[in-house]
Amino acid sequence: MTLEEYFELTTAPFPKVANDKTLLINPAITKLLSRLRFAVERDTIALVVAESGCGKSTALHLFAKSLDAASYNVMSTSLTTLNPFSFISHLAMTIGLSGQRFKGEAAAALLKHLRGLPKRTVLLIDEAHLLPDSSLEDLRLLTADDLDRRSPFALILVGQPLLRDRIAEPQHYALWQRIGVRLQLRPLNQDEVTELIARHMKAAGCRKKNVFEPTAVTEIFRHSRGIPRLVDNIALQAMLIAMETQKPTIDVELVQNAIVDMELN
């Protein structure tokens, strides 16, 4: 018997990739989207940090979808562990430019292409905390290549809190000055965790009420610390144990067993 059959669901619960039905657009996400739009309109660099699993990539996806396709061209990458030359070349090749022998040539070709486009380019860099120091400096120079002219692209840097700490270091002071929007995406509170689990179950076609007992949800919140990815993982593991032990609902004991299983693996 499958998990879907046991709980009488129409689709798999807690999918790895969130969809529109499972997304929780809470006030923090709404604020983040608004501030990012402000950064793009005001031609300033935006910095977004959050712990792993808090929904940074999902927020970026929502932001990209919210932009007017007739006015903006979105470039996104998370290949931040490349060396500086390879990173600049990667950005250039992402928009279809041919490779160059030297970093300066690749940067010049990239800037010329972006300035000639009819639409504004928005560059979203996820996992930016992994960028080498020289790549961070290259990005600063690329956004200010011609004195007081408008930046050739809007830049949004997204990563773990380490990113904020690194950019605040003296060697990156010039980049820190150019950041006009600074945001931290925090974990969910307990009410939001309750709503997130309910949305997932509804999206999976669940017709039963309180499959997750209130005390079980509280336990999930406590152990996940409100981090959405951990909420999903714990809830799914608890459902699997419930099926294996033939229990109709998920209680505190099942959640605790799920957490133990996850810690052992």
Protein backbone atom coordinates (compact mmCIF):
# COMPACT_ATOMS: atom_id res chain seq x y z
CA MET A 1 0.00 0.00 0.00
CA THR A 2 1.24 3.46 -0.85
CA LEU A 3 1.19 6.49 1.42
CA GLU A 4 -1.41 8.06 -0.85
CA GLU A 5 -3.68 5.02 -0.57
CA TYR A 6 -3.31 4.73 3.20
CA PHE A 7 -4.27 8.36 3.87
CA GLU A 8 -6.69 8.52 0.91
CA LEU A 9 -4.75 11.22 -0.91
CA THR A 10 -4.86 12.11 -4.59
CA THR A 11 -1.18 13.06 -4.87
CA ALA A 12 2.07 12.69 -2.95
CA PRO A 13 2.21 14.82 0.22
CA PHE A 14 5.04 17.24 1.04
CA PRO A 15 6.70 17.23 -2.40
CA LYS A 16 10.36 18.19 -2.65
CA VAL A 17 9.51 21.09 -4.96
CA ALA A 18 6.78 23.40 -3.69
CA ASN A 19 3.92 24.29 -5.99
CA ASP A 20 1.37 27.09 -5.96
CA LYS A 21 -1.01 25.06 -3.78
CA THR A 22 1.56 24.34 -1.08
CA LEU A 23 3.26 27.74 -1.00
CA LEU A 24 2.67 29.73 2.16
CA ILE A 25 2.74 33.42 1.30
CA ASN A 26 3.13 34.86 4.78
CA PRO A 27 3.76 38.54 5.68
CA ALA A 28 7.53 37.97 5.63
CA ILE A 29 7.44 36.73 2.01
CA THR A 30 5.13 39.57 1.00
CA LYS A 31 7.52 42.10 2.53
CA LEU A 32 10.51 40.47 0.84
CA LEU A 33 8.87 40.61 -2.61
CA SER A 34 7.94 44.26 -2.11
CA ARG A 35 11.46 45.22 -1.02
CA LEU A 36 13.05 43.38 -3.92
CA ARG A 37 10.81 45.22 -6.38
CA PHE A 38 11.84 48.47 -4.70
CA ALA A 39 15.53 47.55 -5.11
CA VAL A 40 15.10 46.82 -8.81
CA GLU A 41 13.15 50.04 -9.42
CA ARG A 42 15.67 52.17 -7.45
CA ASP A 43 18.70 50.56 -9.10
CA THR A 44 20.25 49.41 -5.85
CA ILE A 45 21.75 46.05 -4.88
CA ALA A 46 19.61 43.80 -2.67
CA LEU A 47 20.92 41.35 -0.09
CA VAL A 48 18.73 38.50 1.21
CA VAL A 49 19.96 36.08 3.87
CA ALA A 50 18.32 33.12 5.59
CA GLU A 51 19.19 29.81 7.15
CA SER A 52 19.25 26.81 4.84
CA GLY A 53 15.75 25.49 4.27
CA CYS A 54 13.92 28.74 5.06
CA GLY A 55 12.69 29.22 1.50
CA LYS A 56 15.23 31.54 -0.13
CA SER A 57 15.07 29.79 -3.50
CA THR A 58 11.27 29.67 -3.38
CA ALA A 59 11.15 33.39 -2.65
CA LEU A 60 13.46 34.07 -5.60
CA HIS A 61 11.19 32.01 -7.85
CA LEU A 62 8.15 33.98 -6.71
CA PHE A 63 9.95 37.26 -7.27
CA ALA A 64 11.03 36.28 -10.78
CA LYS A 65 7.44 35.29 -11.63
CA SER A 66 6.16 38.63 -10.31
CA LEU A 67 8.27 40.69 -12.71
CA ASP A 68 6.72 41.96 -15.93
CA ALA A 69 8.20 39.79 -18.68
CA ALA A 70 7.81 42.66 -21.16
CA SER A 71 10.10 44.88 -19.09
CA TYR A 72 12.52 42.52 -17.35
CA ASN A 73 14.85 39.73 -18.35
CA VAL A 74 15.72 37.46 -15.41
CA MET A 75 19.09 35.70 -15.14
CA SER A 76 19.56 33.33 -12.22
CA THR A 77 22.42 31.13 -11.09
CA SER A 78 23.62 29.22 -8.06
CA LEU A 79 26.94 28.11 -9.56
CA THR A 80 28.86 30.27 -7.11
CA THR A 81 31.78 27.94 -6.41
CA LEU A 82 33.34 28.63 -9.80
CA ASN A 83 36.59 30.57 -9.84
CA PRO A 84 36.22 34.30 -10.70
CA PHE A 85 37.03 33.96 -14.41
CA SER A 86 34.76 30.96 -14.81
CA PHE A 87 31.96 32.74 -12.94
CA ILE A 88 32.05 35.79 -15.22
CA SER A 89 32.26 33.51 -18.26
CA HIS A 90 29.33 31.47 -16.92
CA LEU A 91 27.21 34.62 -16.67
CA ALA A 92 28.17 35.60 -20.23
CA MET A 93 27.40 32.17 -21.65
CA THR A 94 24.09 32.07 -19.77
CA ILE A 95 22.84 34.81 -22.08
CA GLY A 96 24.31 33.19 -25.18
CA LEU A 97 27.65 34.98 -25.53
CA SER A 98 30.66 33.06 -26.79
CA GLY A 99 33.55 32.31 -24.47
CA GLN A 100 36.50 34.70 -24.11
CA ARG A 101 40.13 34.02 -23.32
CA PHE A 102 40.40 36.59 -20.54
CA LYS A 103 38.12 37.70 -17.71
CA GLY A 104 38.28 41.34 -18.78
CA GLU A 105 37.12 40.47 -22.28
CA ALA A 106 34.28 38.35 -20.93
CA ALA A 107 33.18 41.14 -18.57
CA ALA A 108 33.30 43.77 -21.33
CA ALA A 109 31.25 41.59 -23.69
CA LEU A 110 28.72 40.90 -20.94
CA LEU A 111 28.27 44.58 -20.09
CA LYS A 112 28.00 45.63 -23.73
CA HIS A 113 25.33 43.00 -24.36
CA LEU A 114 23.31 43.91 -21.28
CA ARG A 115 23.38 47.64 -22.06
CA GLY A 116 22.09 46.92 -25.55
CA LEU A 117 19.08 44.90 -24.46
CA PRO A 118 15.62 46.49 -24.71
CA LYS A 119 14.63 44.98 -21.35
CA ARG A 120 16.15 45.52 -17.92
CA THR A 121 18.17 42.51 -16.72
CA VAL A 122 17.77 41.24 -13.17
CA LEU A 123 20.57 38.97 -11.98
CA LEU A 124 19.57 36.64 -9.12
CA ILE A 125 22.53 34.91 -7.47
CA ASP A 126 21.57 32.15 -5.04
CA GLU A 127 24.11 30.52 -2.69
CA ALA A 128 26.08 33.78 -2.90
CA HIS A 129 27.80 33.07 0.43
CA LEU A 130 29.97 30.62 -1.52
CA LEU A 131 31.30 33.28 -3.92
CA PRO A 132 35.07 33.86 -3.72
CA ASP A 133 36.09 37.31 -2.48
CA SER A 134 37.34 38.27 -5.93
CA SER A 135 33.97 37.35 -7.49
CA LEU A 136 32.16 39.61 -5.02
CA GLU A 137 34.47 42.43 -6.02
CA ASP A 138 33.92 41.68 -9.71
CA LEU A 139 30.16 41.93 -9.21
CA ARG A 140 30.55 45.31 -7.55
CA LEU A 141 32.65 46.57 -10.44
CA LEU A 142 30.20 45.20 -13.01
CA THR A 143 27.30 47.09 -11.41
CA ALA A 144 29.27 50.35 -11.43
CA ASP A 145 31.35 50.12 -14.57
CA ASP A 146 30.74 53.62 -15.86
CA LEU A 147 30.74 56.27 -13.13
CA ASP A 148 27.21 57.48 -12.39
CA ARG A 149 25.39 55.77 -15.22
CA ARG A 150 22.63 53.37 -14.35
CA SER A 151 23.90 49.91 -13.44
CA PRO A 152 23.85 47.54 -16.46
CA PHE A 153 21.77 45.07 -14.44
CA ALA A 154 19.90 44.81 -11.16
CA LEU A 155 21.72 42.55 -8.70
CA ILE A 156 20.14 40.44 -5.95
CA LEU A 157 22.51 38.45 -3.74
CA VAL A 158 20.95 35.61 -1.77
CA GLY A 159 22.61 33.26 0.68
CA GLN A 160 23.08 32.07 4.23
CA PRO A 161 23.80 34.60 7.04
CA LEU A 162 27.52 34.11 6.40
CA LEU A 163 27.05 36.21 3.25
CA ARG A 164 26.06 39.28 5.27
CA ASP A 165 29.04 38.81 7.56
CA ARG A 166 31.45 38.46 4.65
CA ILE A 167 30.22 41.55 2.81
CA ALA A 168 30.47 43.55 6.04
CA GLU A 169 34.22 42.86 6.16
CA PRO A 170 36.51 45.85 5.38
CA GLN A 171 37.68 44.44 2.05
CA HIS A 172 34.08 44.53 0.75
CA TYR A 173 33.16 47.92 2.21
CA ALA A 174 32.56 49.42 -1.25
CA LEU A 175 30.08 46.64 -2.06
CA TRP A 176 28.41 46.99 1.36
CA GLN A 177 27.84 50.70 0.65
CA ARG A 178 26.06 49.90 -2.62
CA ILE A 179 23.56 47.56 -0.99
CA GLY A 180 20.35 49.52 -0.53
CA VAL A 181 18.03 46.72 0.60
CA ARG A 182 19.00 44.22 3.30
CA LEU A 183 16.58 41.48 4.28
CA GLN A 184 16.62 38.40 6.49
CA LEU A 185 14.05 35.69 5.85
CA ARG A 186 13.29 34.18 9.24
CA PRO A 187 11.78 30.76 10.10
CA LEU A 188 8.01 30.34 10.46
CA ASN A 189 6.19 30.83 13.73
CA GLN A 190 3.98 28.09 15.19
CA ASP A 191 0.76 29.32 13.60
CA GLU A 192 2.48 29.44 10.21
CA VAL A 193 3.79 25.89 10.64
CA THR A 194 0.23 24.77 11.39
CA GLU A 195 -0.98 26.52 8.24
CA LEU A 196 1.86 25.11 6.14
CA ILE A 197 1.07 21.52 7.11
CA ALA A 198 -2.65 22.11 6.48
CA ARG A 199 -1.89 23.53 3.02
CA HIS A 200 0.25 20.51 2.14
CA MET A 201 -2.43 18.07 3.22
CA LYS A 202 -5.14 19.95 1.33
CA ALA A 203 -2.97 20.12 -1.78
CA ALA A 204 -2.45 16.35 -1.55
CA GLY A 205 -6.23 15.87 -1.63
CA CYS A 206 -6.69 14.93 2.03
CA ARG A 207 -10.37 14.88 3.05
CA LYS A 208 -9.82 13.86 6.66
CA LYS A 209 -9.58 16.45 9.42
CA ASN A 210 -6.73 16.60 11.91
CA VAL A 211 -4.55 13.90 10.39
CA PHE A 212 -1.84 15.74 12.30
CA GLU A 213 -2.96 16.15 15.89
CA PRO A 214 -2.41 19.70 17.29
CA THR A 215 0.16 18.44 19.80
CA ALA A 216 2.02 16.69 16.97
CA VAL A 217 2.18 19.95 15.01
CA THR A 218 3.56 21.69 18.10
CA GLU A 219 6.26 19.01 18.35
CA ILE A 220 7.13 19.43 14.67
CA PHE A 221 7.45 23.18 15.20
CA ARG A 222 9.66 22.69 18.24
CA HIS A 223 12.10 20.35 16.53
CA SER A 224 12.12 22.08 13.14
CA ARG A 225 12.50 25.56 14.68
CA GLY A 226 10.06 26.70 12.01
CA ILE A 227 12.36 25.92 9.08
CA PRO A 228 9.98 24.88 6.25
CA ARG A 229 12.22 22.19 4.76
CA LEU A 230 12.58 20.49 8.15
CA VAL A 231 8.83 20.79 8.76
CA ASP A 232 8.18 18.96 5.49
CA ASN A 233 10.77 16.25 6.20
CA ILE A 234 9.57 15.53 9.73
CA ALA A 235 5.89 15.51 8.71
CA LEU A 236 6.52 13.12 5.81
CA GLN A 237 8.61 10.77 7.96
CA ALA A 238 5.87 10.74 10.61
CA MET A 239 3.28 9.83 7.97
CA LEU A 240 5.41 6.91 6.81
CA ILE A 241 5.71 5.59 10.37
CA ALA A 242 1.96 6.02 10.86
CA MET A 243 1.33 3.86 7.79
CA GLU A 244 3.81 1.22 8.95
CA THR A 245 2.25 1.05 12.43
CA GLN A 246 -1.33 1.29 11.14
CA LYS A 247 -2.17 4.49 13.01
CA PRO A 248 -4.87 6.73 11.51
CA THR A 249 -3.44 10.01 12.80
CA ILE A 250 -0.04 11.48 13.59
CA ASP A 251 0.50 12.07 17.30
CA VAL A 252 3.44 13.34 19.36
CA GLU A 253 4.96 9.88 19.71
CA LEU A 254 5.03 9.36 15.94
CA VAL A 255 6.69 12.73 15.43
CA GLN A 256 9.33 11.89 18.04
CA ASN A 257 9.97 8.54 16.39
CA ALA A 258 10.30 10.28 13.04
CA ILE A 259 12.88 12.68 14.47
CA VAL A 260 14.88 9.79 15.95
CA ASP A 261 14.84 7.98 12.59
CA MET A 262 16.02 11.10 10.77
CA GLU A 263 18.85 11.68 13.23
CA LEU A 264 20.05 8.08 12.87
CA ASN A 265 20.19 8.25 9.07
